Protein backbone atom coordinates (compact mmCIF):
# COMPACT_ATOMS: atom_id res chain seq x y z
CA UNK A 1 2.86 -13.13 -7.80
CA UNK A 2 1.13 -15.56 -5.50
CA UNK A 3 -0.88 -14.85 -2.67
CA UNK A 4 -1.67 -16.18 1.04
CA UNK A 5 -5.29 -15.67 2.37
CA UNK A 6 -5.49 -15.62 6.23
CA UNK A 7 -9.07 -16.03 7.21
CA UNK A 8 -10.03 -15.27 10.96
CA UNK A 9 -13.30 -16.44 12.07
CA UNK A 10 -14.25 -15.59 15.50
CA UNK A 11 -17.28 -16.09 18.26
CA UNK A 12 -18.17 -13.08 19.99
CA UNK A 13 -21.01 -11.63 21.50
CA UNK A 14 -20.39 -7.95 19.71
CA UNK A 15 -19.72 -9.21 16.27
CA UNK A 16 -19.09 -5.52 14.73
CA UNK A 17 -16.56 -5.00 17.98
CA UNK A 18 -14.94 -8.45 16.84
CA UNK A 19 -15.11 -7.53 12.90
CA UNK A 20 -13.04 -4.12 13.84
CA UNK A 21 -10.61 -5.50 16.44
CA UNK A 22 -9.80 -8.51 13.54
CA UNK A 23 -9.40 -5.99 10.83
CA UNK A 24 -7.32 -3.52 13.08
CA UNK A 25 -4.75 -6.56 13.06
CA UNK A 26 -4.86 -7.21 9.65
CA UNK A 27 -3.89 -3.18 9.06
CA UNK A 28 -1.27 -3.35 11.60
CA UNK A 29 0.44 -6.08 9.43
CA UNK A 30 0.25 -3.69 6.36
CA UNK A 31 -3.21 -4.97 4.79
CA UNK A 32 -4.76 -2.46 3.24
CA UNK A 33 -7.98 -4.06 2.24
CA UNK A 34 -9.96 -6.74 4.22
CA UNK A 35 -13.03 -8.91 3.17
CA UNK A 36 -15.74 -9.35 5.99
CA UNK A 37 -17.99 -11.86 6.22
CA UNK A 38 -21.32 -11.57 7.85
CA UNK A 39 -23.54 -14.35 8.03
CA UNK A 40 -26.65 -12.18 8.87
CA UNK A 41 -26.17 -10.00 5.80
CA UNK A 42 -27.82 -10.63 2.54
CA UNK A 43 -27.49 -7.88 -0.72
CA UNK A 44 -31.00 -6.05 -1.27
CA UNK A 45 -33.67 -7.83 -3.14
CA UNK A 46 -33.47 -5.99 -6.28
CA UNK A 47 -30.27 -5.29 -6.48
CA UNK A 48 -28.97 -8.08 -8.55
CA UNK A 49 -29.54 -12.01 -9.19
CA UNK A 50 -27.35 -14.98 -7.88
CA UNK A 51 -25.99 -13.72 -4.92
CA UNK A 52 -24.14 -16.02 -3.15
CA UNK A 53 -25.72 -17.51 0.10
CA UNK A 54 -24.69 -15.87 3.67
CA UNK A 55 -21.29 -17.49 5.19
CA UNK A 56 -21.84 -19.78 8.24
CA UNK A 57 -19.43 -17.77 10.63
CA UNK A 58 -18.74 -14.34 10.86
CA UNK A 59 -14.91 -13.53 9.71
CA UNK A 60 -12.73 -11.54 8.41
CA UNK A 61 -10.28 -12.48 5.35
CA UNK A 62 -6.83 -10.87 4.61
CA UNK A 63 -4.15 -11.09 1.61
CA UNK A 64 -0.30 -11.40 2.26
CA UNK A 65 2.31 -11.39 -0.83
CA UNK A 66 3.45 -15.03 -0.74
CA UNK A 67 7.31 -14.05 0.05
CA UNK A 68 9.63 -14.75 2.27
CA UNK A 69 7.98 -12.60 5.06
CA UNK A 70 5.18 -14.18 4.76
CA UNK A 71 5.44 -16.86 7.86
CA UNK A 72 6.72 -14.14 10.08
CA UNK A 73 3.69 -12.06 9.48
CA UNK A 74 1.40 -15.40 9.67
CA UNK A 75 3.23 -15.99 13.00
CA UNK A 76 2.24 -12.11 14.26
CA UNK A 77 -1.30 -12.41 13.50
CA UNK A 78 -1.60 -15.57 15.33
CA UNK A 79 0.08 -14.06 18.35
CA UNK A 80 -2.13 -11.00 17.93
CA UNK A 81 -5.25 -12.98 17.95
CA UNK A 82 -3.78 -14.82 20.91
CA UNK A 83 -3.69 -11.57 22.66
CA UNK A 84 -7.21 -10.40 21.78
CA UNK A 85 -8.75 -13.39 23.16
CA UNK A 86 -6.84 -13.07 26.24
CA UNK A 87 -8.07 -9.18 26.52
CA UNK A 88 -11.44 -9.16 24.97
CA UNK A 89 -12.46 -13.08 25.10
CA UNK A 90 -12.49 -12.90 21.17
CA UNK A 91 -12.37 -16.54 20.14
CA UNK A 92 -10.68 -17.15 16.88
CA UNK A 93 -9.78 -19.90 14.52
CA UNK A 94 -7.28 -18.74 11.32
CA UNK A 95 -7.16 -20.48 8.12
CA UNK A 96 -4.83 -20.05 5.22
CA UNK A 97 -4.97 -20.76 1.38
CA UNK A 98 -2.14 -19.67 -1.58
CA UNK A 99 -3.97 -18.50 -4.59
CA UNK A 100 -3.05 -16.74 -7.70
CA UNK A 101 -3.09 -12.76 -7.97
CA UNK A 102 -6.35 -12.74 -10.32
CA UNK A 103 -7.94 -15.37 -8.05
CA UNK A 104 -6.93 -12.79 -5.24
CA UNK A 105 -8.45 -9.98 -6.90
CA UNK A 106 -11.52 -11.92 -8.16
CA UNK A 107 -12.46 -13.77 -5.16
CA UNK A 108 -14.27 -11.06 -3.10
CA UNK A 109 -16.35 -9.98 -6.22
CA UNK A 110 -19.42 -12.12 -5.58
CA UNK A 111 -19.78 -10.38 -1.90
CA UNK A 112 -19.56 -6.57 -3.84
CA UNK A 113 -23.42 -5.47 -4.66
CA UNK A 114 -24.50 -2.09 -5.29
CA UNK A 115 -25.08 0.04 -1.73
CA UNK A 116 -26.76 3.30 -1.33
CA UNK A 117 -24.21 5.44 0.90
CA UNK A 118 -26.29 8.72 0.92
CA UNK A 119 -29.60 9.46 -0.35
CA UNK A 120 -28.10 10.67 -3.79
CA UNK A 121 -24.80 8.19 -4.19
CA UNK A 122 -24.75 4.77 -5.07
CA UNK A 123 -21.65 3.03 -5.15
CA UNK A 124 -21.59 0.06 -8.23
CA UNK A 125 -19.62 -2.34 -8.82
CA UNK A 126 -19.08 -2.50 -12.59
CA UNK A 127 -20.14 -5.68 -13.23
CA UNK A 128 -23.39 -5.53 -11.49
CA UNK A 129 -26.71 -3.91 -13.03
CA UNK A 130 -28.10 -1.13 -11.19
CA UNK A 131 -31.14 1.07 -12.17
CA UNK A 132 -30.02 4.15 -11.73
CA UNK A 133 -33.43 6.42 -9.93
CA UNK A 134 -34.20 10.08 -10.62
CA UNK A 135 -31.65 12.64 -9.17
CA UNK A 136 -29.02 9.49 -7.98
CA UNK A 137 -25.63 9.92 -8.39
CA UNK A 138 -23.77 6.17 -9.30
CA UNK A 139 -20.22 5.62 -8.60
CA UNK A 140 -19.01 2.54 -10.83
CA UNK A 141 -16.15 1.19 -9.25
CA UNK A 142 -13.88 -1.94 -9.82
CA UNK A 143 -10.71 -1.64 -6.94
CA UNK A 144 -8.66 -4.18 -8.33
CA UNK A 145 -6.28 -4.61 -6.23
CA UNK A 146 -6.74 -1.18 -4.02
CA UNK A 147 -8.59 -0.53 -1.15
CA UNK A 148 -11.65 1.28 -1.33
CA UNK A 149 -15.06 -0.37 -2.36
CA UNK A 150 -17.86 2.39 -0.55
CA UNK A 151 -19.20 -0.78 1.21
CA UNK A 152 -17.02 -0.14 4.45
CA UNK A 153 -18.04 2.18 7.15
CA UNK A 154 -15.12 4.79 6.76
CA UNK A 155 -15.50 4.99 3.52
CA UNK A 156 -19.11 5.32 3.53
CA UNK A 157 -18.71 7.91 6.46
CA UNK A 158 -16.03 10.14 4.49
CA UNK A 159 -18.46 10.31 1.13
CA UNK A 160 -21.31 11.53 3.38
CA UNK A 161 -18.98 14.32 4.63
CA UNK A 162 -17.79 15.09 1.35
CA UNK A 163 -21.40 15.34 0.05
CA UNK A 164 -21.93 17.87 3.14
CA UNK A 165 -19.07 19.99 2.90
CA UNK A 166 -17.65 20.07 -0.98
CA UNK A 167 -18.63 23.29 -2.28
CA UNK A 168 -19.30 23.46 -6.36
CA UNK A 169 -15.65 24.13 -8.10
CA UNK A 170 -13.41 23.31 -4.80
CA UNK A 171 -10.20 22.12 -5.52
CA UNK A 172 -10.27 18.61 -3.66
CA UNK A 173 -7.30 16.21 -2.53
CA UNK A 174 -7.36 12.73 -1.58
CA UNK A 175 -4.94 11.53 0.61
CA UNK A 176 -4.58 7.66 0.12
CA UNK A 177 -6.93 7.56 -3.13
CA UNK A 178 -6.47 3.68 -3.26
CA UNK A 179 -9.30 2.83 -5.91
CA UNK A 180 -10.32 6.33 -6.39
CA UNK A 181 -13.81 6.37 -4.88
CA UNK A 182 -13.47 9.55 -2.84
CA UNK A 183 -12.17 11.54 -6.01
CA UNK A 184 -15.02 10.31 -8.04
CA UNK A 185 -17.34 11.26 -5.65
CA UNK A 186 -16.14 14.84 -5.43
CA UNK A 187 -15.82 14.93 -8.98
CA UNK A 188 -19.66 14.13 -9.23
CA UNK A 189 -20.58 16.40 -6.53
CA UNK A 190 -18.87 19.53 -8.60
CA UNK A 191 -14.93 19.67 -7.44
CA UNK A 192 -13.59 22.23 -9.86
CA UNK A 193 -9.77 20.30 -9.67
CA UNK A 194 -9.14 16.90 -8.46
CA UNK A 195 -5.80 15.81 -6.72
CA UNK A 196 -5.60 12.06 -6.01
CA UNK A 197 -2.29 10.63 -4.36
CA UNK A 198 -0.79 7.19 -3.03
CA UNK A 199 1.99 5.53 -2.26
CA UNK A 200 1.03 2.30 -3.64
CA UNK A 201 1.51 2.47 -8.11
CA UNK A 202 -1.15 -0.04 -8.33
CA UNK A 203 -3.84 2.34 -6.73
CA UNK A 204 -3.02 4.98 -8.90
CA UNK A 205 -3.51 3.44 -12.00
CA UNK A 206 -6.98 1.35 -10.78
CA UNK A 207 -7.81 5.36 -9.88
CA UNK A 208 -7.42 6.16 -12.86
CA UNK A 209 -9.45 3.61 -14.64
CA UNK A 210 -12.20 4.23 -12.35
CA UNK A 211 -12.16 7.96 -13.00
CA UNK A 212 -12.26 7.46 -16.72
CA UNK A 213 -14.72 4.51 -16.40
CA UNK A 214 -17.31 7.37 -14.72
CA UNK A 215 -16.47 9.68 -17.89
CA UNK A 216 -14.71 12.07 -15.57
CA UNK A 217 -12.56 14.89 -17.74
CA UNK A 218 -8.86 13.91 -17.85
CA UNK A 219 -8.23 17.54 -17.55
CA UNK A 220 -10.16 17.89 -13.97
CA UNK A 221 -7.35 15.57 -11.96
CA UNK A 222 -4.14 14.70 -11.58
CA UNK A 223 -3.00 11.43 -10.32
CA UNK A 224 0.35 10.31 -9.03
CA UNK A 225 2.44 8.36 -6.56
CA UNK A 226 3.86 9.91 -3.31
CA UNK A 227 4.16 9.80 0.26
CA UNK A 228 0.79 11.63 1.81
CA UNK A 229 1.25 15.50 0.89
CA UNK A 230 5.26 15.55 0.45
CA UNK A 231 4.40 16.00 -3.28
CA UNK A 232 1.57 18.65 -3.27
CA UNK A 233 2.26 22.04 -4.60
CA UNK A 234 -1.41 23.53 -5.14
CA UNK A 235 -2.95 24.77 -2.28
CA UNK A 236 -6.41 22.85 -2.09
CA UNK A 237 -10.05 23.84 -0.39
CA UNK A 238 -11.08 20.12 0.94
CA UNK A 239 -8.66 17.32 1.84
CA UNK A 240 -10.02 14.05 2.40
CA UNK A 241 -7.78 11.22 3.91
CA UNK A 242 -9.62 8.04 4.14
CA UNK A 243 -6.45 6.11 6.17
CA UNK A 244 -5.60 4.66 9.34
CA UNK A 245 -5.33 7.19 12.48
CA UNK A 246 -1.80 6.30 12.85
CA UNK A 247 -1.29 7.72 9.43
CA UNK A 248 -3.96 10.55 9.63
CA UNK A 249 -1.55 11.36 12.77
CA UNK A 250 1.15 11.60 11.17
CA UNK A 251 -0.03 13.54 8.18
CA UNK A 252 -1.89 16.18 10.47
CA UNK A 253 1.56 18.40 11.15
CA UNK A 254 1.20 18.81 6.76
CA UNK A 255 -2.22 19.52 6.16
CA UNK A 256 -1.62 23.46 6.43
CA UNK A 257 1.10 23.42 3.77
CA UNK A 258 -1.58 22.45 1.26
CA UNK A 259 -4.80 23.43 2.53
CA UNK A 260 -5.99 26.72 2.48
CA UNK A 261 -6.93 28.67 5.61
CA UNK A 262 -10.49 28.20 6.28
CA UNK A 263 -10.45 25.11 4.53
CA UNK A 264 -11.84 21.73 5.44
CA UNK A 265 -9.93 18.53 6.66
CA UNK A 266 -12.35 15.12 6.27
CA UNK A 267 -10.40 12.20 8.07
CA UNK A 268 -11.82 8.96 8.45
CA UNK A 269 -10.84 4.98 8.64
CA UNK A 270 -10.34 6.28 12.57
CA UNK A 271 -11.52 3.30 14.96
CA UNK A 272 -13.70 4.89 17.75
CA UNK A 273 -11.03 4.12 20.87
CA UNK A 274 -8.65 6.26 18.58
CA UNK A 275 -11.43 9.44 18.68
CA UNK A 276 -9.86 11.43 21.13
CA UNK A 277 -6.24 11.28 20.38
CA UNK A 278 -7.22 12.27 16.60
CA UNK A 279 -9.43 14.96 17.98
CA UNK A 280 -6.79 16.49 20.20
CA UNK A 281 -4.06 16.24 17.55
CA UNK A 282 -6.43 18.46 15.32
CA UNK A 283 -6.92 20.82 18.13
CA UNK A 284 -3.03 20.70 18.97
CA UNK A 285 -2.60 21.68 14.79
CA UNK A 286 -5.03 24.56 14.75
CA UNK A 287 -8.06 22.66 13.83
CA UNK A 288 -11.39 23.17 14.70
CA UNK A 289 -13.99 20.07 14.58
CA UNK A 290 -17.12 20.98 13.03
CA UNK A 291 -18.20 17.52 12.80
CA UNK A 292 -17.97 13.88 14.24
CA UNK A 293 -19.86 10.84 12.31
CA UNK A 294 -19.67 7.37 13.50
CA UNK A 295 -20.64 4.13 11.95
CA UNK A 296 -20.26 0.22 13.13
CA UNK A 297 -17.15 1.31 15.48
CA UNK A 298 -15.74 3.66 12.80
CA UNK A 299 -15.19 7.20 12.94
CA UNK A 300 -14.91 10.15 10.55
CA UNK A 301 -14.27 13.90 11.28
CA UNK A 302 -14.70 16.94 9.35
CA UNK A 303 -12.53 19.98 10.79
CA UNK A 304 -11.63 23.33 9.89
CA UNK A 305 -8.08 25.05 9.32
CA UNK A 306 -7.47 27.99 11.38
CA UNK A 307 -3.97 27.93 10.94
CA UNK A 308 -3.06 32.29 10.83
């Protein structure tokens, strides 16, 4: 399959906000992951050689399958960017390129370097070298064509919350597992049983490979393709969902069916503007909010299931 890369560069006083808003446009068009260009961001000095030079302009790149629908997707993208300029004053320019699937899967790798997510947890690309320090937990990841490198703020926040709330032996459910990064983090933090579900068969395959690369016991996890929690039959202690706010709102009424009373629900992938609506929906569905974390315009929420 061939893909169309759409690179949106922009000029804005608040780069972080502009990046989030452009990324949200891609997500609204069912693009699962984006590549972010940050001119001021360099890999840490001791975390690899041959780092590529930073881009000249900030930007966000999304990838569309090169099908009969791509022309309409690009038209909608441009229309939404025009509305963004009228509403927020963010000037954008978009360029397109046609690339092969293998190039799509490899193109972003030069920008992905080891990153320390918490005091203990480091996310490391499988193709990079990294010297593990005492007491560190290293997650090896090759996302391939699935979302989840650990460098996105929503993923980093979710991992931090899993580290804070997961108890040894917990049964952990990862909804929208993507690359499997949250499941691997949970396993390394002591989860007794892991269930991962994604509606993309490719993601399930990628997650399986990453779990094996990280030497996670095959008998300790189950991965399958499905819609949210529709096919989950086991009750779990902690459920994590690093997905968009709109999908979290769709998921919430069904969480209590698979999460034990007193169990914890960690939701991430929520832009700041959607915080209040998610908190309201949590309360409506009898969840008590325990903690809200924010990073670069993204939110993660930890809540307790209080359904009687």
